[in-house]
C-alpha cells in the first residue's frame, strides 16, 4: 500500500470518528438548546425584551402602531428555525424577497 493510500485511509478513519462524535453529540445539544429557548424563564426574558423594545420606541416618538409592528419584527420565530434544523434543510434566512439556506 502506497503512502498516498495510507494517508487517504487515515483521513477517512478520522472523518468517520468526527462524524461518530457529531452524531452522538448534536442531538443532545439541540435538545438542550430547545429546552433553554422554550423554558418559562426564556419566555419571560423574551417578553421583557420585546416589551422594553416597544416601550423605548414609543418613548422615542415612534407612533404606537409602527412601534407594534417593529416589536413584532423584533421577535424571532423559533419554530421556523427549528423546523429547518430538524428537517435537515438548514436554517432559512429571509433576505428581502429571497430565501437562502445556511
PDB file of N, CA and C in Angstrom:
ATOM      1  N   UNK A   1       0.858  -1.181   0.000  1.00  0.00           N
ATOM      2  CA  UNK A   1       0.000   0.000   0.000  1.00  0.00           C
ATOM      3  C   UNK A   1       0.895   1.233   0.000  1.00  0.00           C
ATOM      4  N   UNK A   2       0.603   2.176  -0.896  1.00  0.00           N
ATOM      5  CA  UNK A   2       1.414   3.384  -1.022  1.00  0.00           C
ATOM      6  C   UNK A   2       1.123   4.344   0.137  1.00  0.00           C
ATOM      7  N   UNK A   3       2.018   5.322   0.287  1.00  0.00           N
ATOM      8  CA  UNK A   3       1.831   6.333   1.331  1.00  0.00           C
ATOM      9  C   UNK A   3       0.559   7.133   1.089  1.00  0.00           C
ATOM     10  N   UNK A   4       0.239   7.400  -0.184  1.00  0.00           N
ATOM     11  CA  UNK A   4      -0.990   8.141  -0.510  1.00  0.00           C
ATOM     12  C   UNK A   4      -2.224   7.358  -0.079  1.00  0.00           C
ATOM     13  N   UNK A   5      -2.223   6.072  -0.333  1.00  0.00           N
ATOM     14  CA  UNK A   5      -3.366   5.224   0.053  1.00  0.00           C
ATOM     15  C   UNK A   5      -3.510   5.166   1.567  1.00  0.00           C
ATOM     16  N   UNK A   6      -2.379   5.057   2.262  1.00  0.00           N
ATOM     17  CA  UNK A   6      -2.405   5.035   3.734  1.00  0.00           C
ATOM     18  C   UNK A   6      -2.945   6.358   4.278  1.00  0.00           C
ATOM     19  N   UNK A   7      -2.492   7.469   3.671  1.00  0.00           N
ATOM     20  CA  UNK A   7      -2.945   8.783   4.117  1.00  0.00           C
ATOM     21  C   UNK A   7      -4.443   8.956   3.857  1.00  0.00           C
ATOM     22  N   UNK A   8      -4.908   8.508   2.700  1.00  0.00           N
ATOM     23  CA  UNK A   8      -6.336   8.572   2.376  1.00  0.00           C
ATOM     24  C   UNK A   8      -7.153   7.733   3.339  1.00  0.00           C
ATOM     25  N   UNK A   9      -6.651   6.569   3.699  1.00  0.00           N
ATOM     26  CA  UNK A   9      -7.358   5.697   4.641  1.00  0.00           C
ATOM     27  C   UNK A   9      -7.414   6.340   6.026  1.00  0.00           C
ATOM     28  N   UNK A  10      -6.318   6.980   6.431  1.00  0.00           N
ATOM     29  CA  UNK A  10      -6.272   7.663   7.718  1.00  0.00           C
ATOM     30  C   UNK A  10      -7.259   8.825   7.741  1.00  0.00           C
ATOM     31  N   UNK A  11      -7.322   9.581   6.638  1.00  0.00           N
ATOM     32  CA  UNK A  11      -8.258  10.698   6.556  1.00  0.00           C
ATOM     33  C   UNK A  11      -9.699  10.211   6.680  1.00  0.00           C
ATOM     34  N   UNK A  12     -10.008   9.120   6.008  1.00  0.00           N
ATOM     35  CA  UNK A  12     -11.363   8.560   6.074  1.00  0.00           C
ATOM     36  C   UNK A  12     -11.680   8.096   7.487  1.00  0.00           C
ATOM     37  N   UNK A  13     -10.725   7.451   8.136  1.00  0.00           N
ATOM     38  CA  UNK A  13     -10.931   6.988   9.510  1.00  0.00           C
ATOM     39  C   UNK A  13     -11.127   8.169  10.463  1.00  0.00           C
ATOM     40  N   UNK A  14     -10.369   9.237  10.265  1.00  0.00           N
ATOM     41  CA  UNK A  14     -10.523  10.436  11.095  1.00  0.00           C
ATOM     42  C   UNK A  14     -11.894  11.063  10.878  1.00  0.00           C
ATOM     43  N   UNK A  15     -12.310  11.154   9.624  1.00  0.00           N
ATOM     44  CA  UNK A  15     -13.622  11.716   9.309  1.00  0.00           C
ATOM     45  C   UNK A  15     -14.726  10.866   9.931  1.00  0.00           C
ATOM     46  N   UNK A  16     -14.596   9.553   9.843  1.00  0.00           N
ATOM     47  CA  UNK A  16     -15.576   8.654  10.440  1.00  0.00           C
ATOM     48  C   UNK A  16     -15.660   8.896  11.955  1.00  0.00           C
ATOM     49  N   UNK A  17     -14.520   9.080  12.592  1.00  0.00           N
ATOM     50  CA  UNK A  17     -14.504   9.353  14.027  1.00  0.00           C
ATOM     51  C   UNK A  17     -15.185  10.665  14.369  1.00  0.00           C
ATOM     52  N   UNK A  18     -14.907  11.690  13.572  1.00  0.00           N
ATOM     53  CA  UNK A  18     -15.537  13.001  13.788  1.00  0.00           C
ATOM     54  C   UNK A  18     -17.047  12.886  13.611  1.00  0.00           C
ATOM     55  N   UNK A  19     -17.487  12.224  12.544  1.00  0.00           N
ATOM     56  CA  UNK A  19     -18.921  12.071  12.292  1.00  0.00           C
ATOM     57  C   UNK A  19     -19.603  11.257  13.385  1.00  0.00           C
ATOM     58  N   UNK A  20     -18.923  10.258  13.928  1.00  0.00           N
ATOM     59  CA  UNK A  20     -19.486   9.489  15.045  1.00  0.00           C
ATOM     60  C   UNK A  20     -19.728  10.393  16.254  1.00  0.00           C
ATOM     61  N   UNK A  21     -18.755  11.248  16.563  1.00  0.00           N
ATOM     62  CA  UNK A  21     -18.897  12.171  17.692  1.00  0.00           C
ATOM     63  C   UNK A  21     -20.037  13.149  17.426  1.00  0.00           C
ATOM     64  N   UNK A  22     -20.089  13.696  16.217  1.00  0.00           N
ATOM     65  CA  UNK A  22     -21.146  14.646  15.866  1.00  0.00           C
ATOM     66  C   UNK A  22     -22.513  13.976  15.993  1.00  0.00           C
ATOM     67  N   UNK A  23     -22.633  12.773  15.470  1.00  0.00           N
ATOM     68  CA  UNK A  23     -23.898  12.043  15.533  1.00  0.00           C
ATOM     69  C   UNK A  23     -24.341  11.810  16.966  1.00  0.00           C
ATOM     70  N   UNK A  24     -23.404  11.575  17.848  1.00  0.00           N
ATOM     71  CA  UNK A  24     -23.735  11.321  19.253  1.00  0.00           C
ATOM     72  C   UNK A  24     -24.013  12.615  20.019  1.00  0.00           C
ATOM     73  N   UNK A  25     -23.325  13.698  19.695  1.00  0.00           N
ATOM     74  CA  UNK A  25     -23.385  14.916  20.496  1.00  0.00           C
ATOM     75  C   UNK A  25     -24.447  15.919  20.033  1.00  0.00           C
ATOM     76  N   UNK A  26     -24.628  16.081  18.747  1.00  0.00           N
ATOM     77  CA  UNK A  26     -25.513  17.131  18.221  1.00  0.00           C
ATOM     78  C   UNK A  26     -26.960  16.978  18.681  1.00  0.00           C
ATOM     79  N   UNK A  27     -27.555  15.784  18.626  1.00  0.00           N
ATOM     80  CA  UNK A  27     -28.952  15.692  19.088  1.00  0.00           C
ATOM     81  C   UNK A  27     -29.137  16.166  20.531  1.00  0.00           C
ATOM     82  N   UNK A  28     -28.217  15.833  21.405  1.00  0.00           N
ATOM     83  CA  UNK A  28     -28.297  16.289  22.792  1.00  0.00           C
ATOM     84  C   UNK A  28     -28.140  17.794  22.908  1.00  0.00           C
ATOM     85  N   UNK A  29     -27.243  18.353  22.114  1.00  0.00           N
ATOM     86  CA  UNK A  29     -27.050  19.803  22.130  1.00  0.00           C
ATOM     87  C   UNK A  29     -28.304  20.524  21.640  1.00  0.00           C
ATOM     88  N   UNK A  30     -28.916  20.010  20.576  1.00  0.00           N
ATOM     89  CA  UNK A  30     -30.140  20.634  20.064  1.00  0.00           C
ATOM     90  C   UNK A  30     -31.277  20.533  21.066  1.00  0.00           C
ATOM     91  N   UNK A  31     -31.388  19.390  21.732  1.00  0.00           N
ATOM     92  CA  UNK A  31     -32.435  19.218  22.747  1.00  0.00           C
ATOM     93  C   UNK A  31     -32.211  20.201  23.896  1.00  0.00           C
ATOM     94  N   UNK A  32     -30.965  20.335  24.321  1.00  0.00           N
ATOM     95  CA  UNK A  32     -30.652  21.281  25.386  1.00  0.00           C
ATOM     96  C   UNK A  32     -30.953  22.705  24.985  1.00  0.00           C
ATOM     97  N   UNK A  33     -30.614  23.058  23.757  1.00  0.00           N
ATOM     98  CA  UNK A  33     -30.907  24.400  23.256  1.00  0.00           C
ATOM     99  C   UNK A  33     -32.407  24.633  23.207  1.00  0.00           C
ATOM    100  N   UNK A  34     -33.152  23.644  22.716  1.00  0.00           N
ATOM    101  CA  UNK A  34     -34.614  23.760  22.663  1.00  0.00           C
ATOM    102  C   UNK A  34     -35.178  23.960  24.065  1.00  0.00           C
ATOM    103  N   UNK A  35     -34.690  23.191  25.022  1.00  0.00           N
ATOM    104  CA  UNK A  35     -35.186  23.306  26.392  1.00  0.00           C
ATOM    105  C   UNK A  35     -34.913  24.690  26.974  1.00  0.00           C
ATOM    106  N   UNK A  36     -33.756  25.249  26.661  1.00  0.00           N
ATOM    107  CA  UNK A  36     -33.417  26.592  27.147  1.00  0.00           C
ATOM    108  C   UNK A  36     -34.299  27.633  26.483  1.00  0.00           C
ATOM    109  N   UNK A  37     -34.488  27.518  25.181  1.00  0.00           N
ATOM    110  CA  UNK A  37     -35.250  28.522  24.448  1.00  0.00           C
ATOM    111  C   UNK A  37     -36.740  28.484  24.760  1.00  0.00           C
ATOM    112  N   UNK A  38     -37.265  27.313  25.077  1.00  0.00           N
ATOM    113  CA  UNK A  38     -38.698  27.181  25.318  1.00  0.00           C
ATOM    114  C   UNK A  38     -39.041  27.056  26.803  1.00  0.00           C
ATOM    115  N   UNK A  39     -38.137  27.438  27.671  1.00  0.00           N
ATOM    116  CA  UNK A  39     -38.403  27.373  29.105  1.00  0.00           C
ATOM    117  C   UNK A  39     -39.244  28.568  29.541  1.00  0.00           C
ATOM    118  N   UNK A  40     -39.794  28.472  30.740  1.00  0.00           N
ATOM    119  CA  UNK A  40     -40.569  29.579  31.312  1.00  0.00           C
ATOM    120  C   UNK A  40     -39.685  30.819  31.446  1.00  0.00           C
ATOM    121  N   UNK A  41     -38.455  30.609  31.870  1.00  0.00           N
ATOM    122  CA  UNK A  41     -37.530  31.726  32.042  1.00  0.00           C
ATOM    123  C   UNK A  41     -37.217  32.405  30.706  1.00  0.00           C
ATOM    124  N   UNK A  42     -37.063  31.601  29.651  1.00  0.00           N
ATOM    125  CA  UNK A  42     -36.789  32.169  28.330  1.00  0.00           C
ATOM    126  C   UNK A  42     -37.983  32.980  27.840  1.00  0.00           C
ATOM    127  N   UNK A  43     -39.201  32.481  28.097  1.00  0.00           N
ATOM    128  CA  UNK A  43     -40.409  33.204  27.682  1.00  0.00           C
ATOM    129  C   UNK A  43     -40.509  34.535  28.418  1.00  0.00           C
ATOM    130  N   UNK A  44     -40.235  34.514  29.713  1.00  0.00           N
ATOM    131  CA  UNK A  44     -40.288  35.747  30.497  1.00  0.00           C
ATOM    132  C   UNK A  44     -39.238  36.744  30.017  1.00  0.00           C
ATOM    133  N   UNK A  45     -38.054  36.247  29.726  1.00  0.00           N
ATOM    134  CA  UNK A  45     -36.971  37.105  29.259  1.00  0.00           C
ATOM    135  C   UNK A  45     -37.312  37.716  27.902  1.00  0.00           C
ATOM    136  N   UNK A  46     -37.866  36.902  26.989  1.00  0.00           N
ATOM    137  CA  UNK A  46     -38.247  37.411  25.676  1.00  0.00           C
ATOM    138  C   UNK A  46     -39.351  38.449  25.809  1.00  0.00           C
ATOM    139  N   UNK A  47     -40.331  38.179  26.662  1.00  0.00           N
ATOM    140  CA  UNK A  47     -41.426  39.138  26.864  1.00  0.00           C
ATOM    141  C   UNK A  47     -40.892  40.454  27.415  1.00  0.00           C
ATOM    142  N   UNK A  48     -39.967  40.386  28.370  1.00  0.00           N
ATOM    143  CA  UNK A  48     -39.360  41.599  28.916  1.00  0.00           C
ATOM    144  C   UNK A  48     -38.615  42.371  27.831  1.00  0.00           C
ATOM    145  N   UNK A  49     -37.857  41.647  27.011  1.00  0.00           N
ATOM    146  CA  UNK A  49     -37.073  42.293  25.958  1.00  0.00           C
ATOM    147  C   UNK A  49     -37.979  42.968  24.930  1.00  0.00           C
ATOM    148  N   UNK A  50     -39.016  42.259  24.490  1.00  0.00           N
ATOM    149  CA  UNK A  50     -39.920  42.819  23.491  1.00  0.00           C
ATOM    150  C   UNK A  50     -40.691  43.997  24.074  1.00  0.00           C
ATOM    151  N   UNK A  51     -41.141  43.842  25.322  1.00  0.00           N
ATOM    152  CA  UNK A  51     -41.857  44.934  25.979  1.00  0.00           C
ATOM    153  C   UNK A  51     -40.997  46.172  26.131  1.00  0.00           C
ATOM    154  N   UNK A  52     -39.763  45.977  26.529  1.00  0.00           N
ATOM    155  CA  UNK A  52     -38.834  47.098  26.680  1.00  0.00           C
ATOM    156  C   UNK A  52     -38.565  47.750  25.331  1.00  0.00           C
ATOM    157  N   UNK A  53     -38.383  46.941  24.305  1.00  0.00           N
ATOM    158  CA  UNK A  53     -38.148  47.453  22.961  1.00  0.00           C
ATOM    159  C   UNK A  53     -39.319  48.325  22.504  1.00  0.00           C
ATOM    160  N   UNK A  54     -40.526  47.803  22.663  1.00  0.00           N
ATOM    161  CA  UNK A  54     -41.743  48.547  22.284  1.00  0.00           C
ATOM    162  C   UNK A  54     -41.834  49.859  23.064  1.00  0.00           C
ATOM    163  N   UNK A  55     -41.638  49.773  24.385  1.00  0.00           N
ATOM    164  CA  UNK A  55     -41.750  50.952  25.252  1.00  0.00           C
ATOM    165  C   UNK A  55     -40.736  52.029  24.839  1.00  0.00           C
ATOM    166  N   UNK A  56     -39.518  51.628  24.563  1.00  0.00           N
ATOM    167  CA  UNK A  56     -38.478  52.588  24.171  1.00  0.00           C
ATOM    168  C   UNK A  56     -38.796  53.223  22.818  1.00  0.00           C
ATOM    169  N   UNK A  57     -39.370  52.438  21.902  1.00  0.00           N
ATOM    170  CA  UNK A  57     -39.761  53.000  20.610  1.00  0.00           C
ATOM    171  C   UNK A  57     -40.819  54.082  20.783  1.00  0.00           C
ATOM    172  N   UNK A  58     -41.843  53.771  21.594  1.00  0.00           N
ATOM    173  CA  UNK A  58     -42.926  54.727  21.831  1.00  0.00           C
ATOM    174  C   UNK A  58     -42.383  55.965  22.538  1.00  0.00           C
ATOM    175  N   UNK A  59     -41.526  55.755  23.534  1.00  0.00           N
ATOM    176  CA  UNK A  59     -40.936  56.887  24.272  1.00  0.00           C
ATOM    177  C   UNK A  59     -40.098  57.780  23.365  1.00  0.00           C
ATOM    178  N   UNK A  60     -39.525  57.193  22.319  1.00  0.00           N
ATOM    179  CA  UNK A  60     -38.688  57.990  21.420  1.00  0.00           C
ATOM    180  C   UNK A  60     -39.494  58.664  20.311  1.00  0.00           C
ATOM    181  N   UNK A  61     -40.828  58.511  20.363  1.00  0.00           N
ATOM    182  CA  UNK A  61     -41.674  59.235  19.430  1.00  0.00           C
ATOM    183  C   UNK A  61     -42.210  58.426  18.257  1.00  0.00           C
ATOM    184  N   UNK A  62     -41.929  57.144  18.220  1.00  0.00           N
ATOM    185  CA  UNK A  62     -42.458  56.290  17.152  1.00  0.00           C
ATOM    186  C   UNK A  62     -43.954  56.085  17.422  1.00  0.00           C
ATOM    187  N   UNK A  63     -44.803  56.251  16.418  1.00  0.00           N
ATOM    188  CA  UNK A  63     -46.241  56.005  16.621  1.00  0.00           C
ATOM    189  C   UNK A  63     -46.481  54.571  17.110  1.00  0.00           C
ATOM    190  N   UNK A  64     -47.492  54.407  17.979  1.00  0.00           N
ATOM    191  CA  UNK A  64     -47.740  53.104  18.610  1.00  0.00           C
ATOM    192  C   UNK A  64     -47.930  51.974  17.601  1.00  0.00           C
ATOM    193  N   UNK A  65     -48.680  52.221  16.533  1.00  0.00           N
ATOM    194  CA  UNK A  65     -48.911  51.172  15.531  1.00  0.00           C
ATOM    195  C   UNK A  65     -47.599  50.737  14.867  1.00  0.00           C
ATOM    196  N   UNK A  66     -46.777  51.711  14.546  1.00  0.00           N
ATOM    197  CA  UNK A  66     -45.487  51.406  13.922  1.00  0.00           C
ATOM    198  C   UNK A  66     -44.565  50.695  14.911  1.00  0.00           C
ATOM    199  N   UNK A  67     -44.580  51.149  16.163  1.00  0.00           N
ATOM    200  CA  UNK A  67     -43.771  50.510  17.199  1.00  0.00           C
ATOM    201  C   UNK A  67     -44.210  49.061  17.404  1.00  0.00           C
ATOM    202  N   UNK A  68     -45.512  48.808  17.340  1.00  0.00           N
ATOM    203  CA  UNK A  68     -46.028  47.449  17.492  1.00  0.00           C
ATOM    204  C   UNK A  68     -45.519  46.556  16.361  1.00  0.00           C
ATOM    205  N   UNK A  69     -45.548  47.060  15.141  1.00  0.00           N
ATOM    206  CA  UNK A  69     -45.037  46.294  14.002  1.00  0.00           C
ATOM    207  C   UNK A  69     -43.539  46.025  14.154  1.00  0.00           C
ATOM    208  N   UNK A  70     -42.806  47.021  14.614  1.00  0.00           N
ATOM    209  CA  UNK A  70     -41.370  46.850  14.819  1.00  0.00           C
ATOM    210  C   UNK A  70     -41.096  45.828  15.917  1.00  0.00           C
ATOM    211  N   UNK A  71     -41.898  45.845  16.979  1.00  0.00           N
ATOM    212  CA  UNK A  71     -41.733  44.877  18.064  1.00  0.00           C
ATOM    213  C   UNK A  71     -42.049  43.470  17.574  1.00  0.00           C
ATOM    214  N   UNK A  72     -43.062  43.340  16.732  1.00  0.00           N
ATOM    215  CA  UNK A  72     -43.377  42.021  16.158  1.00  0.00           C
ATOM    216  C   UNK A  72     -42.195  41.516  15.335  1.00  0.00           C
ATOM    217  N   UNK A  73     -41.604  42.407  14.553  1.00  0.00           N
ATOM    218  CA  UNK A  73     -40.457  42.031  13.742  1.00  0.00           C
ATOM    219  C   UNK A  73     -39.230  41.692  14.577  1.00  0.00           C
ATOM    220  N   UNK A  74     -39.168  42.250  15.772  1.00  0.00           N
ATOM    221  CA  UNK A  74     -38.040  42.023  16.684  1.00  0.00           C
ATOM    222  C   UNK A  74     -38.008  40.583  17.185  1.00  0.00           C
ATOM    223  N   UNK A  75     -39.170  39.995  17.287  1.00  0.00           N
ATOM    224  CA  UNK A  75     -39.248  38.623  17.785  1.00  0.00           C
ATOM    225  C   UNK A  75     -38.826  37.641  16.694  1.00  0.00           C
ATOM    226  N   UNK A  76     -38.140  36.606  17.087  1.00  0.00           N
ATOM    227  CA  UNK A  76     -37.696  35.573  16.151  1.00  0.00           C
ATOM    228  C   UNK A  76     -38.644  34.399  16.249  1.00  0.00           C
ATOM    229  N   UNK A  77     -39.085  33.898  15.120  1.00  0.00           N
ATOM    230  CA  UNK A  77     -39.961  32.744  15.118  1.00  0.00           C
ATOM    231  C   UNK A  77     -39.100  31.486  15.234  1.00  0.00           C
ATOM    232  N   UNK A  78     -38.906  31.013  16.463  1.00  0.00           N
ATOM    233  CA  UNK A  78     -38.023  29.883  16.711  1.00  0.00           C
ATOM    234  C   UNK A  78     -38.566  28.578  16.135  1.00  0.00           C
ATOM    235  N   UNK A  79     -39.872  28.468  16.016  1.00  0.00           N
ATOM    236  CA  UNK A  79     -40.422  27.247  15.423  1.00  0.00           C
ATOM    237  C   UNK A  79     -39.911  27.055  14.004  1.00  0.00           C
ATOM    238  N   UNK A  80     -39.898  28.128  13.246  1.00  0.00           N
ATOM    239  CA  UNK A  80     -39.407  28.047  11.870  1.00  0.00           C
ATOM    240  C   UNK A  80     -37.926  27.698  11.853  1.00  0.00           C
ATOM    241  N   UNK A  81     -37.175  28.281  12.784  1.00  0.00           N
ATOM    242  CA  UNK A  81     -35.758  27.989  12.889  1.00  0.00           C
ATOM    243  C   UNK A  81     -35.547  26.509  13.149  1.00  0.00           C
ATOM    244  N   UNK A  82     -36.256  25.955  14.145  1.00  0.00           N
ATOM    245  CA  UNK A  82     -36.084  24.549  14.484  1.00  0.00           C
ATOM    246  C   UNK A  82     -36.657  23.629  13.418  1.00  0.00           C
ATOM    247  N   UNK A  83     -37.692  24.056  12.725  1.00  0.00           N
ATOM    248  CA  UNK A  83     -38.253  23.237  11.650  1.00  0.00           C
ATOM    249  C   UNK A  83     -37.183  22.990  10.594  1.00  0.00           C
ATOM    250  N   UNK A  84     -36.440  24.036  10.251  1.00  0.00           N
ATOM    251  CA  UNK A  84     -35.366  23.894   9.270  1.00  0.00           C
ATOM    252  C   UNK A  84     -34.253  23.005   9.761  1.00  0.00           C
ATOM    253  N   UNK A  85     -33.875  23.143  11.018  1.00  0.00           N
ATOM    254  CA  UNK A  85     -32.810  22.324  11.583  1.00  0.00           C
ATOM    255  C   UNK A  85     -33.247  20.864  11.654  1.00  0.00           C
ATOM    256  N   UNK A  86     -34.463  20.599  12.114  1.00  0.00           N
ATOM    257  CA  UNK A  86     -34.935  19.234  12.277  1.00  0.00           C
ATOM    258  C   UNK A  86     -35.157  18.541  10.940  1.00  0.00           C
ATOM    259  N   UNK A  87     -35.543  19.288   9.913  1.00  0.00           N
ATOM    260  CA  UNK A  87     -35.796  18.675   8.610  1.00  0.00           C
ATOM    261  C   UNK A  87     -34.499  18.386   7.863  1.00  0.00           C
ATOM    262  N   UNK A  88     -33.394  18.937   8.350  1.00  0.00           N
ATOM    263  CA  UNK A  88     -32.121  18.741   7.688  1.00  0.00           C
ATOM    264  C   UNK A  88     -31.898  19.672   6.516  1.00  0.00           C
ATOM    265  N   UNK A  89     -32.804  20.619   6.318  1.00  0.00           N
ATOM    266  CA  UNK A  89     -32.683  21.556   5.203  1.00  0.00           C
ATOM    267  C   UNK A  89     -31.855  22.772   5.570  1.00  0.00           C
ATOM    268  N   UNK A  90     -31.469  22.890   6.812  1.00  0.00           N
ATOM    269  CA  UNK A  90     -30.724  24.055   7.242  1.00  0.00           C
ATOM    270  C   UNK A  90     -31.660  25.124   7.745  1.00  0.00           C
ATOM    271  N   UNK A  91     -31.106  26.254   8.019  1.00  0.00           N
ATOM    272  CA  UNK A  91     -31.872  27.363   8.556  1.00  0.00           C
ATOM    273  C   UNK A  91     -32.149  28.340   7.433  1.00  0.00           C
ATOM    274  N   UNK A  92     -33.420  28.630   7.208  1.00  0.00           N
ATOM    275  CA  UNK A  92     -33.789  29.596   6.178  1.00  0.00           C
ATOM    276  C   UNK A  92     -33.601  30.998   6.702  1.00  0.00           C
ATOM    277  N   UNK A  93     -32.913  31.818   5.936  1.00  0.00           N
ATOM    278  CA  UNK A  93     -32.702  33.211   6.316  1.00  0.00           C
ATOM    279  C   UNK A  93     -33.380  34.079   5.281  1.00  0.00           C
ATOM    280  N   UNK A  94     -34.299  34.908   5.710  1.00  0.00           N
ATOM    281  CA  UNK A  94     -35.037  35.774   4.799  1.00  0.00           C
ATOM    282  C   UNK A  94     -34.188  37.000   4.475  1.00  0.00           C
ATOM    283  N   UNK A  95     -33.924  37.208   3.205  1.00  0.00           N
ATOM    284  CA  UNK A  95     -33.152  38.358   2.751  1.00  0.00           C
ATOM    285  C   UNK A  95     -34.000  39.114   1.746  1.00  0.00           C
ATOM    286  N   UNK A  96     -34.821  40.038   2.207  1.00  0.00           N
ATOM    287  CA  UNK A  96     -35.723  40.755   1.311  1.00  0.00           C
ATOM    288  C   UNK A  96     -36.769  39.806   0.771  1.00  0.00           C
ATOM    289  N   UNK A  97     -36.830  39.664  -0.557  1.00  0.00           N
ATOM    290  CA  UNK A  97     -37.783  38.772  -1.191  1.00  0.00           C
ATOM    291  C   UNK A  97     -37.201  37.390  -1.443  1.00  0.00           C
ATOM    292  N   UNK A  98     -35.920  37.184  -1.118  1.00  0.00           N
ATOM    293  CA  UNK A  98     -35.262  35.920  -1.380  1.00  0.00           C
ATOM    294  C   UNK A  98     -35.127  35.144  -0.091  1.00  0.00           C
ATOM    295  N   UNK A  99     -34.944  33.823  -0.222  1.00  0.00           N
ATOM    296  CA  UNK A  99     -34.671  32.995   0.943  1.00  0.00           C
ATOM    297  C   UNK A  99     -33.431  32.190   0.665  1.00  0.00           C
ATOM    298  N   UNK A 100     -32.501  32.218   1.610  1.00  0.00           N
ATOM    299  CA  UNK A 100     -31.268  31.468   1.467  1.00  0.00           C
ATOM    300  C   UNK A 100     -31.191  30.453   2.587  1.00  0.00           C
ATOM    301  N   UNK A 101     -30.550  29.311   2.326  1.00  0.00           N
ATOM    302  CA  UNK A 101     -30.319  28.301   3.347  1.00  0.00           C
ATOM    303  C   UNK A 101     -28.858  28.339   3.752  1.00  0.00           C
ATOM    304  N   UNK A 102     -28.612  28.277   5.076  1.00  0.00           N
ATOM    305  CA  UNK A 102     -27.238  28.228   5.579  1.00  0.00           C
ATOM    306  C   UNK A 102     -26.723  26.820   5.470  1.00  0.00           C
TER     307      UNK A 102
END
